[in-house]
Structure formats: C-alpha cells, structure tokens
Amino acid sequence: MVFSVQELLLEDGSSPYTDWFNALPAIAAAKVAAAKVRLAQGNLSQVKWFRGIGEYKIDFGPGYRLYLAKDGLKTILLLGGGTKRRQQRDIDKAIRLWEEYKRRKVAAAKSEKDRKR
C-alpha cells in the first residue's frame, strides 16, 4: 500500500517535524529523508505502534526516531522526531500533538456541518 506522507501543521502553520528536521546534521537528514520515502512506499516494518502513534527507529548516530500517526487508511502524518536520549519526552509530545490534531479535526467537521445547515 502506498501512503501520502504529510507533516502535522499546528494552528499557527508551523510544523514540529520541519523544525526538528531542519536542525539535523546533513547525514542524519539524509537517513530521515530515506525513512520518509520508505513510509510513503508502505514499508512500516520499522514502526512500533502504541497509544495511537508510531515510532520509526533509525539505527544511526544517537538513535533517531520519527513519530507519526495514521490519519485514515492512506495518510501518514509526521508528528515530529527525536533521539533515543529524549525518547520519552518526544513520545509524550507526539501523543499530545496527535490528540490535539484529532480534536481540531472533529471541531472542524462539526463547524462545517453546522455551517451547511
């Protein structure tokens, strides 16, 4: 299965994933970009799923991680990234971002439904 891989955008238009990615060293950024391509191609073998999110482990340097969630059947939403050292904080942040995204999505759908009445 092929996925559309997108970045989570916050209400202010910023992307936690982009902020993290832009601060990476060039070699690490290349490894992360390759992981993103693998996700788009449907290769989720490196993803461990828990509490509604996934953690993609990259065995390089300090142990990079991508945090993601599936939005529907064909969309992967990149929530952010981190390293093994900050793993629990990064997981907690990714879960918060995912929960916030779902709340915003429900509110937007409700608003759209109310508007059509």
PDB file of N, CA and C in Angstrom:
ATOM      1  N   MET A   1       0.844  -1.181   0.000  1.00  0.00           N
ATOM      2  CA  MET A   1       0.000   0.000   0.000  1.00  0.00           C
ATOM      3  C   MET A   1       0.890   1.246   0.000  1.00  0.00           C
ATOM      4  N   VAL A   2       0.522   2.214  -0.788  1.00  0.00           N
ATOM      5  CA  VAL A   2       1.237   3.478  -0.871  1.00  0.00           C
ATOM      6  C   VAL A   2       0.529   4.482   0.032  1.00  0.00           C
ATOM      7  N   PHE A   3       1.324   5.268   0.761  1.00  0.00           N
ATOM      8  CA  PHE A   3       0.768   6.266   1.672  1.00  0.00           C
ATOM      9  C   PHE A   3       1.126   7.669   1.214  1.00  0.00           C
ATOM     10  N   SER A   4       0.264   8.597   1.551  1.00  0.00           N
ATOM     11  CA  SER A   4       0.578  10.015   1.431  1.00  0.00           C
ATOM     12  C   SER A   4       1.194  10.405   2.779  1.00  0.00           C
ATOM     13  N   VAL A   5       2.444  10.848   2.758  1.00  0.00           N
ATOM     14  CA  VAL A   5       3.124  11.228   3.992  1.00  0.00           C
ATOM     15  C   VAL A   5       3.101  12.750   4.087  1.00  0.00           C
ATOM     16  N   GLN A   6       2.457  13.244   5.137  1.00  0.00           N
ATOM     17  CA  GLN A   6       2.303  14.681   5.326  1.00  0.00           C
ATOM     18  C   GLN A   6       2.785  15.074   6.711  1.00  0.00           C
ATOM     19  N   GLU A   7       3.103  16.341   6.873  1.00  0.00           N
ATOM     20  CA  GLU A   7       3.534  16.845   8.164  1.00  0.00           C
ATOM     21  C   GLU A   7       2.351  17.452   8.902  1.00  0.00           C
ATOM     22  N   LEU A   8       2.308  17.236  10.198  1.00  0.00           N
ATOM     23  CA  LEU A   8       1.307  17.880  11.030  1.00  0.00           C
ATOM     24  C   LEU A   8       1.578  19.373  11.037  1.00  0.00           C
ATOM     25  N   LEU A   9       0.558  20.164  10.778  1.00  0.00           N
ATOM     26  CA  LEU A   9       0.670  21.610  10.882  1.00  0.00           C
ATOM     27  C   LEU A   9      -0.122  22.071  12.087  1.00  0.00           C
ATOM     28  N   LEU A  10       0.511  22.889  12.898  1.00  0.00           N
ATOM     29  CA  LEU A  10      -0.163  23.452  14.061  1.00  0.00           C
ATOM     30  C   LEU A  10      -1.064  24.593  13.604  1.00  0.00           C
ATOM     31  N   GLU A  11      -1.881  25.099  14.507  1.00  0.00           N
ATOM     32  CA  GLU A  11      -2.812  26.166  14.147  1.00  0.00           C
ATOM     33  C   GLU A  11      -2.104  27.405  13.614  1.00  0.00           C
ATOM     34  N   ASP A  12      -0.878  27.645  14.064  1.00  0.00           N
ATOM     35  CA  ASP A  12      -0.127  28.808  13.575  1.00  0.00           C
ATOM     36  C   ASP A  12       0.602  28.533  12.262  1.00  0.00           C
ATOM     37  N   GLY A  13       0.423  27.331  11.703  1.00  0.00           N
ATOM     38  CA  GLY A  13       1.030  26.977  10.434  1.00  0.00           C
ATOM     39  C   GLY A  13       2.414  26.351  10.540  1.00  0.00           C
ATOM     40  N   SER A  14       2.959  26.277  11.736  1.00  0.00           N
ATOM     41  CA  SER A  14       4.287  25.682  11.901  1.00  0.00           C
ATOM     42  C   SER A  14       4.197  24.161  11.930  1.00  0.00           C
ATOM     43  N   SER A  15       5.337  23.516  11.695  1.00  0.00           N
ATOM     44  CA  SER A  15       5.412  22.064  11.674  1.00  0.00           C
ATOM     45  C   SER A  15       6.491  21.598  12.639  1.00  0.00           C
ATOM     46  N   PRO A  16       6.121  20.890  13.706  1.00  0.00           N
ATOM     47  CA  PRO A  16       7.127  20.357  14.628  1.00  0.00           C
ATOM     48  C   PRO A  16       8.132  19.449  13.913  1.00  0.00           C
ATOM     49  N   TYR A  17       7.678  18.682  12.930  1.00  0.00           N
ATOM     50  CA  TYR A  17       8.573  17.812  12.177  1.00  0.00           C
ATOM     51  C   TYR A  17       9.613  18.635  11.420  1.00  0.00           C
ATOM     52  N   THR A  18       9.186  19.673  10.708  1.00  0.00           N
ATOM     53  CA  THR A  18      10.104  20.509   9.946  1.00  0.00           C
ATOM     54  C   THR A  18      11.108  21.195  10.861  1.00  0.00           C
ATOM     55  N   ASP A  19      10.641  21.697  11.988  1.00  0.00           N
ATOM     56  CA  ASP A  19      11.547  22.345  12.944  1.00  0.00           C
ATOM     57  C   ASP A  19      12.647  21.375  13.370  1.00  0.00           C
ATOM     58  N   TRP A  20      12.270  20.144  13.672  1.00  0.00           N
ATOM     59  CA  TRP A  20      13.237  19.133  14.085  1.00  0.00           C
ATOM     60  C   TRP A  20      14.160  18.759  12.927  1.00  0.00           C
ATOM     61  N   PHE A  21      13.572  18.480  11.766  1.00  0.00           N
ATOM     62  CA  PHE A  21      14.338  18.040  10.601  1.00  0.00           C
ATOM     63  C   PHE A  21      15.381  19.077  10.176  1.00  0.00           C
ATOM     64  N   ASN A  22      15.008  20.341  10.180  1.00  0.00           N
ATOM     65  CA  ASN A  22      15.918  21.399   9.735  1.00  0.00           C
ATOM     66  C   ASN A  22      17.132  21.559  10.641  1.00  0.00           C
ATOM     67  N   ALA A  23      17.061  21.064  11.860  1.00  0.00           N
ATOM     68  CA  ALA A  23      18.181  21.173  12.794  1.00  0.00           C
ATOM     69  C   ALA A  23      19.125  19.965  12.735  1.00  0.00           C
ATOM     70  N   LEU A  24      18.791  18.973  11.913  1.00  0.00           N
ATOM     71  CA  LEU A  24      19.613  17.761  11.837  1.00  0.00           C
ATOM     72  C   LEU A  24      20.894  17.989  11.046  1.00  0.00           C
ATOM     73  N   PRO A  25      21.964  17.265  11.402  1.00  0.00           N
ATOM     74  CA  PRO A  25      23.155  17.254  10.545  1.00  0.00           C
ATOM     75  C   PRO A  25      22.789  16.637   9.188  1.00  0.00           C
ATOM     76  N   ALA A  26      23.555  16.973   8.143  1.00  0.00           N
ATOM     77  CA  ALA A  26      23.221  16.557   6.774  1.00  0.00           C
ATOM     78  C   ALA A  26      23.080  15.044   6.625  1.00  0.00           C
ATOM     79  N   ILE A  27      23.978  14.268   7.200  1.00  0.00           N
ATOM     80  CA  ILE A  27      23.908  12.810   7.042  1.00  0.00           C
ATOM     81  C   ILE A  27      22.660  12.260   7.733  1.00  0.00           C
ATOM     82  N   ALA A  28      22.358  12.771   8.910  1.00  0.00           N
ATOM     83  CA  ALA A  28      21.156  12.330   9.613  1.00  0.00           C
ATOM     84  C   ALA A  28      19.907  12.722   8.830  1.00  0.00           C
ATOM     85  N   ALA A  29      19.902  13.923   8.251  1.00  0.00           N
ATOM     86  CA  ALA A  29      18.759  14.374   7.449  1.00  0.00           C
ATOM     87  C   ALA A  29      18.540  13.446   6.257  1.00  0.00           C
ATOM     88  N   ALA A  30      19.627  12.983   5.653  1.00  0.00           N
ATOM     89  CA  ALA A  30      19.504  12.051   4.527  1.00  0.00           C
ATOM     90  C   ALA A  30      18.898  10.728   4.984  1.00  0.00           C
ATOM     91  N   LYS A  31      19.311  10.229   6.147  1.00  0.00           N
ATOM     92  CA  LYS A  31      18.750   8.978   6.686  1.00  0.00           C
ATOM     93  C   LYS A  31      17.255   9.148   6.970  1.00  0.00           C
ATOM     94  N   VAL A  32      16.876  10.295   7.531  1.00  0.00           N
ATOM     95  CA  VAL A  32      15.469  10.559   7.841  1.00  0.00           C
ATOM     96  C   VAL A  32      14.661  10.689   6.545  1.00  0.00           C
ATOM     97  N   ALA A  33      15.216  11.362   5.546  1.00  0.00           N
ATOM     98  CA  ALA A  33      14.523  11.503   4.259  1.00  0.00           C
ATOM     99  C   ALA A  33      14.296  10.134   3.617  1.00  0.00           C
ATOM    100  N   ALA A  34      15.286   9.247   3.730  1.00  0.00           N
ATOM    101  CA  ALA A  34      15.130   7.885   3.192  1.00  0.00           C
ATOM    102  C   ALA A  34      14.026   7.141   3.943  1.00  0.00           C
ATOM    103  N   ALA A  35      13.958   7.334   5.260  1.00  0.00           N
ATOM    104  CA  ALA A  35      12.904   6.693   6.055  1.00  0.00           C
ATOM    105  C   ALA A  35      11.528   7.201   5.625  1.00  0.00           C
ATOM    106  N   LYS A  36      11.450   8.475   5.342  1.00  0.00           N
ATOM    107  CA  LYS A  36      10.178   9.073   4.904  1.00  0.00           C
ATOM    108  C   LYS A  36       9.723   8.458   3.577  1.00  0.00           C
ATOM    109  N   VAL A  37      10.676   8.226   2.667  1.00  0.00           N
ATOM    110  CA  VAL A  37      10.358   7.579   1.386  1.00  0.00           C
ATOM    111  C   VAL A  37       9.862   6.157   1.629  1.00  0.00           C
ATOM    112  N   ARG A  38      10.521   5.443   2.541  1.00  0.00           N
ATOM    113  CA  ARG A  38      10.086   4.067   2.850  1.00  0.00           C
ATOM    114  C   ARG A  38       8.653   4.057   3.392  1.00  0.00           C
ATOM    115  N   LEU A  39       8.345   5.024   4.238  1.00  0.00           N
ATOM    116  CA  LEU A  39       6.977   5.117   4.765  1.00  0.00           C
ATOM    117  C   LEU A  39       5.986   5.325   3.625  1.00  0.00           C
ATOM    118  N   ALA A  40       6.310   6.229   2.716  1.00  0.00           N
ATOM    119  CA  ALA A  40       5.414   6.516   1.588  1.00  0.00           C
ATOM    120  C   ALA A  40       5.198   5.281   0.722  1.00  0.00           C
ATOM    121  N   GLN A  41       6.212   4.434   0.635  1.00  0.00           N
ATOM    122  CA  GLN A  41       6.107   3.211  -0.161  1.00  0.00           C
ATOM    123  C   GLN A  41       5.368   2.097   0.580  1.00  0.00           C
ATOM    124  N   GLY A  42       4.965   2.364   1.809  1.00  0.00           N
ATOM    125  CA  GLY A  42       4.203   1.374   2.563  1.00  0.00           C
ATOM    126  C   GLY A  42       5.042   0.471   3.440  1.00  0.00           C
ATOM    127  N   ASN A  43       6.333   0.733   3.539  1.00  0.00           N
ATOM    128  CA  ASN A  43       7.213  -0.083   4.380  1.00  0.00           C
ATOM    129  C   ASN A  43       7.144   0.418   5.821  1.00  0.00           C
ATOM    130  N   LEU A  44       6.313  -0.221   6.607  1.00  0.00           N
ATOM    131  CA  LEU A  44       6.125   0.164   8.007  1.00  0.00           C
ATOM    132  C   LEU A  44       6.797  -0.830   8.951  1.00  0.00           C
ATOM    133  N   SER A  45       7.719  -1.635   8.434  1.00  0.00           N
ATOM    134  CA  SER A  45       8.338  -2.686   9.249  1.00  0.00           C
ATOM    135  C   SER A  45       9.179  -2.133  10.396  1.00  0.00           C
ATOM    136  N   GLN A  46       9.640  -0.908  10.286  1.00  0.00           N
ATOM    137  CA  GLN A  46      10.446  -0.301  11.342  1.00  0.00           C
ATOM    138  C   GLN A  46       9.596   0.460  12.358  1.00  0.00           C
ATOM    139  N   VAL A  47       8.281   0.446  12.193  1.00  0.00           N
ATOM    140  CA  VAL A  47       7.395   1.233  13.049  1.00  0.00           C
ATOM    141  C   VAL A  47       6.844   0.371  14.179  1.00  0.00           C
ATOM    142  N   LYS A  48       6.971   0.881  15.386  1.00  0.00           N
ATOM    143  CA  LYS A  48       6.342   0.270  16.552  1.00  0.00           C
ATOM    144  C   LYS A  48       5.147   1.157  16.919  1.00  0.00           C
ATOM    145  N   TRP A  49       3.964   0.540  16.962  1.00  0.00           N
ATOM    146  CA  TRP A  49       2.728   1.287  17.226  1.00  0.00           C
ATOM    147  C   TRP A  49       2.335   1.155  18.687  1.00  0.00           C
ATOM    148  N   PHE A  50       1.927   2.255  19.292  1.00  0.00           N
ATOM    149  CA  PHE A  50       1.447   2.266  20.672  1.00  0.00           C
ATOM    150  C   PHE A  50       0.716   3.579  20.934  1.00  0.00           C
ATOM    151  N   ARG A  51      -0.320   3.496  21.760  1.00  0.00           N
ATOM    152  CA  ARG A  51      -1.075   4.670  22.199  1.00  0.00           C
ATOM    153  C   ARG A  51      -1.502   5.582  21.045  1.00  0.00           C
ATOM    154  N   GLY A  52      -1.802   4.992  19.886  1.00  0.00           N
ATOM    155  CA  GLY A  52      -2.310   5.750  18.754  1.00  0.00           C
ATOM    156  C   GLY A  52      -1.261   6.346  17.831  1.00  0.00           C
ATOM    157  N   ILE A  53       0.013   6.222  18.199  1.00  0.00           N
ATOM    158  CA  ILE A  53       1.075   6.762  17.351  1.00  0.00           C
ATOM    159  C   ILE A  53       2.067   5.660  16.991  1.00  0.00           C
ATOM    160  N   GLY A  54       2.946   5.972  16.056  1.00  0.00           N
ATOM    161  CA  GLY A  54       4.007   5.052  15.682  1.00  0.00           C
ATOM    162  C   GLY A  54       5.359   5.700  15.909  1.00  0.00           C
ATOM    163  N   GLU A  55       6.331   4.860  16.204  1.00  0.00           N
ATOM    164  CA  GLU A  55       7.713   5.311  16.362  1.00  0.00           C
ATOM    165  C   GLU A  55       8.561   4.545  15.354  1.00  0.00           C
ATOM    166  N   TYR A  56       9.175   5.267  14.428  1.00  0.00           N
ATOM    167  CA  TYR A  56      10.046   4.680  13.414  1.00  0.00           C
ATOM    168  C   TYR A  56      11.474   4.865  13.900  1.00  0.00           C
ATOM    169  N   LYS A  57      12.162   3.755  14.149  1.00  0.00           N
ATOM    170  CA  LYS A  57      13.530   3.811  14.664  1.00  0.00           C
ATOM    171  C   LYS A  57      14.528   3.783  13.515  1.00  0.00           C
ATOM    172  N   ILE A  58      15.503   4.674  13.578  1.00  0.00           N
ATOM    173  CA  ILE A  58      16.584   4.732  12.602  1.00  0.00           C
ATOM    174  C   ILE A  58      17.866   4.417  13.354  1.00  0.00           C
ATOM    175  N   ASP A  59      18.470   3.312  12.987  1.00  0.00           N
ATOM    176  CA  ASP A  59      19.674   2.852  13.673  1.00  0.00           C
ATOM    177  C   ASP A  59      20.892   3.608  13.130  1.00  0.00           C
ATOM    178  N   PHE A  60      21.055   4.831  13.600  1.00  0.00           N
ATOM    179  CA  PHE A  60      22.155   5.678  13.165  1.00  0.00           C
ATOM    180  C   PHE A  60      22.402   6.736  14.229  1.00  0.00           C
ATOM    181  N   GLY A  61      23.654   7.061  14.464  1.00  0.00           N
ATOM    182  CA  GLY A  61      24.013   8.120  15.407  1.00  0.00           C
ATOM    183  C   GLY A  61      23.406   7.873  16.772  1.00  0.00           C
ATOM    184  N   PRO A  62      22.731   8.893  17.310  1.00  0.00           N
ATOM    185  CA  PRO A  62      22.168   8.766  18.648  1.00  0.00           C
ATOM    186  C   PRO A  62      20.849   7.986  18.700  1.00  0.00           C
ATOM    187  N   GLY A  63      20.481   7.336  17.610  1.00  0.00           N
ATOM    188  CA  GLY A  63      19.229   6.581  17.582  1.00  0.00           C
ATOM    189  C   GLY A  63      18.055   7.484  17.257  1.00  0.00           C
ATOM    190  N   TYR A  64      18.018   7.967  16.035  1.00  0.00           N
ATOM    191  CA  TYR A  64      16.951   8.885  15.625  1.00  0.00           C
ATOM    192  C   TYR A  64      15.618   8.161  15.574  1.00  0.00           C
ATOM    193  N   ARG A  65      14.561   8.916  15.845  1.00  0.00           N
ATOM    194  CA  ARG A  65      13.197   8.408  15.802  1.00  0.00           C
ATOM    195  C   ARG A  65      12.312   9.396  15.062  1.00  0.00           C
ATOM    196  N   LEU A  66      11.358   8.858  14.308  1.00  0.00           N
ATOM    197  CA  LEU A  66      10.288   9.651  13.715  1.00  0.00           C
ATOM    198  C   LEU A  66       9.009   9.265  14.431  1.00  0.00           C
ATOM    199  N   TYR A  67       8.204  10.245  14.759  1.00  0.00           N
ATOM    200  CA  TYR A  67       6.910   9.972  15.391  1.00  0.00           C
ATOM    201  C   TYR A  67       5.819  10.318  14.398  1.00  0.00           C
ATOM    202  N   LEU A  68       4.868   9.401  14.255  1.00  0.00           N
ATOM    203  CA  LEU A  68       3.869   9.517  13.212  1.00  0.00           C
ATOM    204  C   LEU A  68       2.548   8.922  13.675  1.00  0.00           C
ATOM    205  N   ALA A  69       1.525   9.175  12.881  1.00  0.00           N
ATOM    206  CA  ALA A  69       0.206   8.581  13.130  1.00  0.00           C
ATOM    207  C   ALA A  69      -0.459   8.347  11.783  1.00  0.00           C
ATOM    208  N   LYS A  70      -1.363   7.405  11.745  1.00  0.00           N
ATOM    209  CA  LYS A  70      -2.136   7.156  10.529  1.00  0.00           C
ATOM    210  C   LYS A  70      -3.446   7.928  10.647  1.00  0.00           C
ATOM    211  N   ASP A  71      -3.710   8.732   9.626  1.00  0.00           N
ATOM    212  CA  ASP A  71      -4.950   9.505   9.554  1.00  0.00           C
ATOM    213  C   ASP A  71      -5.762   8.919   8.409  1.00  0.00           C
ATOM    214  N   GLY A  72      -6.643   8.011   8.745  1.00  0.00           N
ATOM    215  CA  GLY A  72      -7.378   7.294   7.724  1.00  0.00           C
ATOM    216  C   GLY A  72      -6.556   6.118   7.233  1.00  0.00           C
ATOM    217  N   LEU A  73      -6.911   5.613   6.073  1.00  0.00           N
ATOM    218  CA  LEU A  73      -6.246   4.416   5.552  1.00  0.00           C
ATOM    219  C   LEU A  73      -4.993   4.714   4.734  1.00  0.00           C
ATOM    220  N   LYS A  74      -4.888   5.915   4.177  1.00  0.00           N
ATOM    221  CA  LYS A  74      -3.817   6.171   3.221  1.00  0.00           C
ATOM    222  C   LYS A  74      -2.932   7.357   3.566  1.00  0.00           C
ATOM    223  N   THR A  75      -3.088   7.938   4.735  1.00  0.00           N
ATOM    224  CA  THR A  75      -2.296   9.107   5.101  1.00  0.00           C
ATOM    225  C   THR A  75      -1.491   8.837   6.357  1.00  0.00           C
ATOM    226  N   ILE A  76      -0.208   9.139   6.279  1.00  0.00           N
ATOM    227  CA  ILE A  76       0.663   9.114   7.449  1.00  0.00           C
ATOM    228  C   ILE A  76       1.000  10.558   7.776  1.00  0.00           C
ATOM    229  N   LEU A  77       0.799  10.920   9.021  1.00  0.00           N
ATOM    230  CA  LEU A  77       1.038  12.267   9.496  1.00  0.00           C
ATOM    231  C   LEU A  77       2.297  12.265  10.350  1.00  0.00           C
ATOM    232  N   LEU A  78       3.311  13.030   9.933  1.00  0.00           N
ATOM    233  CA  LEU A  78       4.551  13.126  10.698  1.00  0.00           C
ATOM    234  C   LEU A  78       4.359  14.130  11.836  1.00  0.00           C
ATOM    235  N   LEU A  79       4.548  13.662  13.053  1.00  0.00           N
ATOM    236  CA  LEU A  79       4.317  14.489  14.236  1.00  0.00           C
ATOM    237  C   LEU A  79       5.590  15.157  14.738  1.00  0.00           C
ATOM    238  N   GLY A  80       6.724  14.568  14.464  1.00  0.00           N
ATOM    239  CA  GLY A  80       7.995  15.122  14.930  1.00  0.00           C
ATOM    240  C   GLY A  80       9.058  14.059  14.924  1.00  0.00           C
ATOM    241  N   GLY A  81      10.148  14.357  15.585  1.00  0.00           N
ATOM    242  CA  GLY A  81      11.254  13.418  15.652  1.00  0.00           C
ATOM    243  C   GLY A  81      12.067  13.637  16.905  1.00  0.00           C
ATOM    244  N   GLY A  82      13.066  12.797  17.079  1.00  0.00           N
ATOM    245  CA  GLY A  82      13.911  12.922  18.251  1.00  0.00           C
ATOM    246  C   GLY A  82      15.006  11.878  18.239  1.00  0.00           C
ATOM    247  N   THR A  83      15.571  11.654  19.415  1.00  0.00           N
ATOM    248  CA  THR A  83      16.621  10.658  19.586  1.00  0.00           C
ATOM    249  C   THR A  83      16.299   9.769  20.771  1.00  0.00           C
ATOM    250  N   LYS A  84      17.049   8.694  20.891  1.00  0.00           N
ATOM    251  CA  LYS A  84      16.852   7.756  21.991  1.00  0.00           C
ATOM    252  C   LYS A  84      16.946   8.460  23.343  1.00  0.00           C
ATOM    253  N   ARG A  85      17.860   9.405  23.459  1.00  0.00           N
ATOM    254  CA  ARG A  85      18.080  10.102  24.733  1.00  0.00           C
ATOM    255  C   ARG A  85      16.833  10.837  25.221  1.00  0.00           C
ATOM    256  N   ARG A  86      16.112  11.438  24.303  1.00  0.00           N
ATOM    257  CA  ARG A  86      14.913  12.209  24.668  1.00  0.00           C
ATOM    258  C   ARG A  86      13.620  11.450  24.370  1.00  0.00           C
ATOM    259  N   GLN A  87      13.724  10.154  24.227  1.00  0.00           N
ATOM    260  CA  GLN A  87      12.624   9.344  23.722  1.00  0.00           C
ATOM    261  C   GLN A  87      11.301   9.568  24.454  1.00  0.00           C
ATOM    262  N   GLN A  88      11.286   9.478  25.768  1.00  0.00           N
ATOM    263  CA  GLN A  88      10.009   9.585  26.480  1.00  0.00           C
ATOM    264  C   GLN A  88       9.393  10.973  26.329  1.00  0.00           C
ATOM    265  N   ARG A  89      10.192  12.019  26.395  1.00  0.00           N
ATOM    266  CA  ARG A  89       9.661  13.381  26.191  1.00  0.00           C
ATOM    267  C   ARG A  89       9.106  13.533  24.782  1.00  0.00           C
ATOM    268  N   ASP A  90       9.825  12.980  23.802  1.00  0.00           N
ATOM    269  CA  ASP A  90       9.366  13.074  22.416  1.00  0.00           C
ATOM    270  C   ASP A  90       8.082  12.287  22.191  1.00  0.00           C
ATOM    271  N   ILE A  91       7.976  11.118  22.814  1.00  0.00           N
ATOM    272  CA  ILE A  91       6.748  10.323  22.717  1.00  0.00           C
ATOM    273  C   ILE A  91       5.582  11.090  23.332  1.00  0.00           C
ATOM    274  N   ASP A  92       5.791  11.650  24.521  1.00  0.00           N
ATOM    275  CA  ASP A  92       4.728  12.410  25.187  1.00  0.00           C
ATOM    276  C   ASP A  92       4.273  13.586  24.324  1.00  0.00           C
ATOM    277  N   LYS A  93       5.232  14.285  23.713  1.00  0.00           N
ATOM    278  CA  LYS A  93       4.893  15.415  22.852  1.00  0.00           C
ATOM    279  C   LYS A  93       4.117  14.942  21.626  1.00  0.00           C
ATOM    280  N   ALA A  94       4.554  13.846  21.009  1.00  0.00           N
ATOM    281  CA  ALA A  94       3.869  13.325  19.820  1.00  0.00           C
ATOM    282  C   ALA A  94       2.427  12.926  20.150  1.00  0.00           C
ATOM    283  N   ILE A  95       2.235  12.305  21.296  1.00  0.00           N
ATOM    284  CA  ILE A  95       0.878  11.919  21.707  1.00  0.00           C
ATOM    285  C   ILE A  95       0.019  13.166  21.915  1.00  0.00           C
ATOM    286  N   ARG A  96       0.570  14.187  22.565  1.00  0.00           N
ATOM    287  CA  ARG A  96      -0.176  15.443  22.759  1.00  0.00           C
ATOM    288  C   ARG A  96      -0.553  16.069  21.415  1.00  0.00           C
ATOM    289  N   LEU A  97       0.406  16.105  20.488  1.00  0.00           N
ATOM    290  CA  LEU A  97       0.137  16.686  19.175  1.00  0.00           C
ATOM    291  C   LEU A  97      -0.931  15.899  18.427  1.00  0.00           C
ATOM    292  N   TRP A  98      -0.880  14.578  18.499  1.00  0.00           N
ATOM    293  CA  TRP A  98      -1.864  13.733  17.830  1.00  0.00           C
ATOM    294  C   TRP A  98      -3.251  13.945  18.426  1.00  0.00           C
ATOM    295  N   GLU A  99      -3.351  13.999  19.737  1.00  0.00           N
ATOM    296  CA  GLU A  99      -4.643  14.238  20.394  1.00  0.00           C
ATOM    297  C   GLU A  99      -5.199  15.613  20.016  1.00  0.00           C
ATOM    298  N   GLU A 100      -4.326  16.613  19.995  1.00  0.00           N
ATOM    299  CA  GLU A 100      -4.745  17.962  19.611  1.00  0.00           C
ATOM    300  C   GLU A 100      -5.234  17.984  18.163  1.00  0.00           C
ATOM    301  N   TYR A 101      -4.518  17.303  17.276  1.00  0.00           N
ATOM    302  CA  TYR A 101      -4.913  17.232  15.878  1.00  0.00           C
ATOM    303  C   TYR A 101      -6.297  16.605  15.732  1.00  0.00           C
ATOM    304  N   LYS A 102      -6.537  15.506  16.438  1.00  0.00           N
ATOM    305  CA  LYS A 102      -7.839  14.836  16.344  1.00  0.00           C
ATOM    306  C   LYS A 102      -8.951  15.745  16.866  1.00  0.00           C
ATOM    307  N   ARG A 103      -8.696  16.474  17.946  1.00  0.00           N
ATOM    308  CA  ARG A 103      -9.703  17.412  18.460  1.00  0.00           C
ATOM    309  C   ARG A 103     -10.007  18.502  17.438  1.00  0.00           C
ATOM    310  N   ARG A 104      -8.962  19.050  16.823  1.00  0.00           N
ATOM    311  CA  ARG A 104      -9.166  20.096  15.812  1.00  0.00           C
ATOM    312  C   ARG A 104      -9.938  19.556  14.614  1.00  0.00           C
ATOM    313  N   LYS A 105      -9.641  18.336  14.214  1.00  0.00           N
ATOM    314  CA  LYS A 105     -10.319  17.725  13.061  1.00  0.00           C
ATOM    315  C   LYS A 105     -11.807  17.528  13.349  1.00  0.00           C
ATOM    316  N   VAL A 106     -12.119  17.052  14.543  1.00  0.00           N
ATOM    317  CA  VAL A 106     -13.525  16.870  14.930  1.00  0.00           C
ATOM    318  C   VAL A 106     -14.239  18.224  14.984  1.00  0.00           C
ATOM    319  N   ALA A 107     -13.591  19.217  15.573  1.00  0.00           N
ATOM    320  CA  ALA A 107     -14.191  20.554  15.673  1.00  0.00           C
ATOM    321  C   ALA A 107     -14.421  21.155  14.289  1.00  0.00           C
ATOM    322  N   ALA A 108     -13.467  20.955  13.380  1.00  0.00           N
ATOM    323  CA  ALA A 108     -13.621  21.480  12.019  1.00  0.00           C
ATOM    324  C   ALA A 108     -14.771  20.797  11.294  1.00  0.00           C
ATOM    325  N   ALA A 109     -14.905  19.494  11.473  1.00  0.00           N
ATOM    326  CA  ALA A 109     -16.003  18.758  10.839  1.00  0.00           C
ATOM    327  C   ALA A 109     -17.345  19.215  11.398  1.00  0.00           C
ATOM    328  N   LYS A 110     -17.395  19.415  12.711  1.00  0.00           N
ATOM    329  CA  LYS A 110     -18.638  19.896  13.336  1.00  0.00           C
ATOM    330  C   LYS A 110     -18.980  21.295  12.843  1.00  0.00           C
ATOM    331  N   SER A 111     -17.996  22.148  12.745  1.00  0.00           N
ATOM    332  CA  SER A 111     -18.196  23.512  12.262  1.00  0.00           C
ATOM    333  C   SER A 111     -18.694  23.510  10.822  1.00  0.00           C
ATOM    334  N   GLU A 112     -18.102  22.647  10.007  1.00  0.00           N
ATOM    335  CA  GLU A 112     -18.529  22.535   8.605  1.00  0.00           C
ATOM    336  C   GLU A 112     -19.965  22.034   8.513  1.00  0.00           C
ATOM    337  N   LYS A 113     -20.311  21.068   9.356  1.00  0.00           N
ATOM    338  CA  LYS A 113     -21.680  20.528   9.366  1.00  0.00           C
ATOM    339  C   LYS A 113     -22.665  21.611   9.800  1.00  0.00           C
ATOM    340  N   ASP A 114     -22.308  22.376  10.829  1.00  0.00           N
ATOM    341  CA  ASP A 114     -23.177  23.462  11.305  1.00  0.00           C
ATOM    342  C   ASP A 114     -23.335  24.554  10.245  1.00  0.00           C
ATOM    343  N   ARG A 115     -22.270  24.834   9.532  1.00  0.00           N
ATOM    344  CA  ARG A 115     -22.304  25.857   8.506  1.00  0.00           C
ATOM    345  C   ARG A 115     -23.241  25.486   7.368  1.00  0.00           C
ATOM    346  N   LYS A 116     -23.335  24.200   7.064  1.00  0.00           N
ATOM    347  CA  LYS A 116     -24.170  23.735   5.957  1.00  0.00           C
ATOM    348  C   LYS A 116     -25.651  23.719   6.309  1.00  0.00           C
ATOM    349  N   ARG A 117     -25.973  23.883   7.566  1.00  0.00           N
ATOM    350  CA  ARG A 117     -27.389  23.871   7.966  1.00  0.00           C
ATOM    351  C   ARG A 117     -28.100  25.126   7.614  1.00  0.00           C
TER     352      ARG A 117
END
